[in-house]
């Protein structure tokens, strides 16, 4: 450290270290009072610690004494427990020896009297005894030979009773003696023959089901000409499924009582294959009798060839009845499967506490229901065909409704709207009865597609023809529509122009009414799904339903676009050509006037009265020919066009102060007249026009500051600063250079 720089650096380091040490010392000194107070408190506690120590020692001694006492007492209790257990075991062994003798004597007596229930009860008691322990006990008391002979006798009795029981059960089945079948069924579990009992009883119930179904089929065949003939096969399947459900409902308590819970699935495993077999026969006969395969082939040919009929055509009326019966088949099957799942699941939950074992049995149950030869698979196959057939039925029926479209007396719409939506509602509601979410969604999607394409195309073509331009005799157009209603046809016997006018207005009404029908359909279908299927829908099903119901909203959007297109056609052909010459009359009215002319205008307005008469005549011609919403839209469009044309004419005119006041009166009169023609607010459509008039009516240029900029308040101006200057230039009493100097 020879260099001065090193010495200086070390000096600085020591200074910093000194500063830190001083800060620590200051901190410690500052805590002195606090620490001293704490120490005083500690010194006060020292005398108390002696008492605490004494109490703790006393408590420890008490706990030790109590612990030793408890150990001594519990040891004696354990000894008593062991002794009691041994006494109980001795009593049990003695009772077993006594029971063995009773069972031996009881079995011999019961078998002689053919009292099988009593004999089985004795054997059941014998089977509950531990033979090894029994032999050891008998050896200890020198009764071994007697016990051995009793055991041999009881084993022989067990075997003999099993054979007799099986023989008697089979005889009861052959004799159709239901009481005896039930009697012997109750005995099997007493002999630990649970599986044999379930097997024989399940086979018996399956045979009963087969016999009952055949009897019901023969009875139904004799009634096939009655009013239920169209749903004969649905009724037959219902009888079968109700028979299975009734068998389960009646015999489940019997199985639970004598065999214990958790065994219903074993019974179902015998019943379900027979049910599937009978159901497949019914469904096969349904396909044959209703010529379903032929109809599927014909419909497939039509759909694959873009709707062209190559040979024979499938009659939608016949198909209608088949589809109704098909959905009934599906709904009855779905109700049956729900019943079966509910019963089996509840039974397994009670009978098998272990979740893993229970789930394995549930998986086996589902495999049984999803069997390739099962009713569920067969009905699902039919539903696949149902979706295609329903699509064809709806398409053909709607095409027929379009072809038969006629005017309806007293209505602003033609028959197509009611006919088409009757068919759509019928198809969708029919799909709801199937209880199949996939089928419901498919039918709804097909219905939306048909409405958006085939149905909307009819109105699109009519709108594209447009409303005839040229001079519009509105009275004549109205009379043409009324004439068409009286004749029951829109094919009028007057000119093509009149027919086009009538068709166009009817098309607008049809579109607007169709939107209302789709909205109602969306609401009703959603409500019916929740009402009928809500409790059975999974979260996945809910998502499917929500997605397909969204198709209605998409369809509504497309119909609104079509309605807007129709109103645009009406605007370009009927409104704009008439509005321009009427409003242009304002150009011929002088708005640079004096007091005398202003008074004359007040007495007899040269422009606005005539314009309102024209507008009234124009609107009255449409009022009785359009629906309320369409008419309101027409008035709104008319108002917008009048305002736009008014604005153009104003910019071609000049005004003084009185002329601007006269214009304000004219615009107010126009607004008042148009407001009476509709329940919709028109203020927004006339905002620019009223703002133009407001600007024109200021007394001097400085007054503009009260309306524009920071003083505008809640007013939203639709005019740009350039437009404001342009409007002010229309006032003859304002100087152009002053207008240009305005800060806007």
Foldseek 3Di string as FASTA:
>chain_A
DPDPVVVVVVVVVVVVVVVVVVVVVVVVVVCVVVVVVVVVVVVVCVVVVVVVVVVVVVVVVVVVVVVVVVVVVVVVVVVVVVVVVVVVVVVVLVVLVVLLVVLLVQLVVCVVVVVLQSNLLSLLSNVVDDLVVNQVVCVVVVNNVVSVVSVVSSVVSLVVSVVVLVVQLVVCLVVVPVVSVLVSLLSCVSSVNLVVSLVSVLLSLLVVLVVVLVVVLVVLVVVCPDPCVLQSLLVSLLSSLVSVLVVCVVCVVSCCVRVNFLCSVSSCLSNQVSNLVSNVVSVVVLCVVLVVVVQLVQLVVCVVVVNDRDDDHDDLVSLVSSLLNLLSNLLSVVVSVVSVLVVNLVRLVRRPVDPVVSVVSVVVSVCSCVPCSGPVVVSVVVLVSSLSSLLVSLLVQLVVLVVPWWDAAPDLAIRSLVSNLVSLLSSLVSQVSSVDLVSNLSSLLSSLVCCLPVVVVVLLVLLVVFQAADDDPLVLLLVLLNVRNVVRGLPDPDDPNSSSNSSLLNSLQSLVVNLVSLVVSLVVSVVVCCVPPVVPDDPVSVVSVVVSSVSSVVSSVSSVVSSVSSLVRCCVGPQLVVLQVLLLVVLVDAAADDPVVLVVCVVPPPHLVVSLVSVVVSLVSCVVNHDQVSSQVNLLSNLLSNLVSNVVNLLVAAHAQSSLVSVLVSVVVVLVSSCVSHVDDNCVSNVQVNVLSVLLNDPAPVCVVCCDDPNVPPDDHPDDLVVSLSSNVRHPPYDNVVSVPDDD
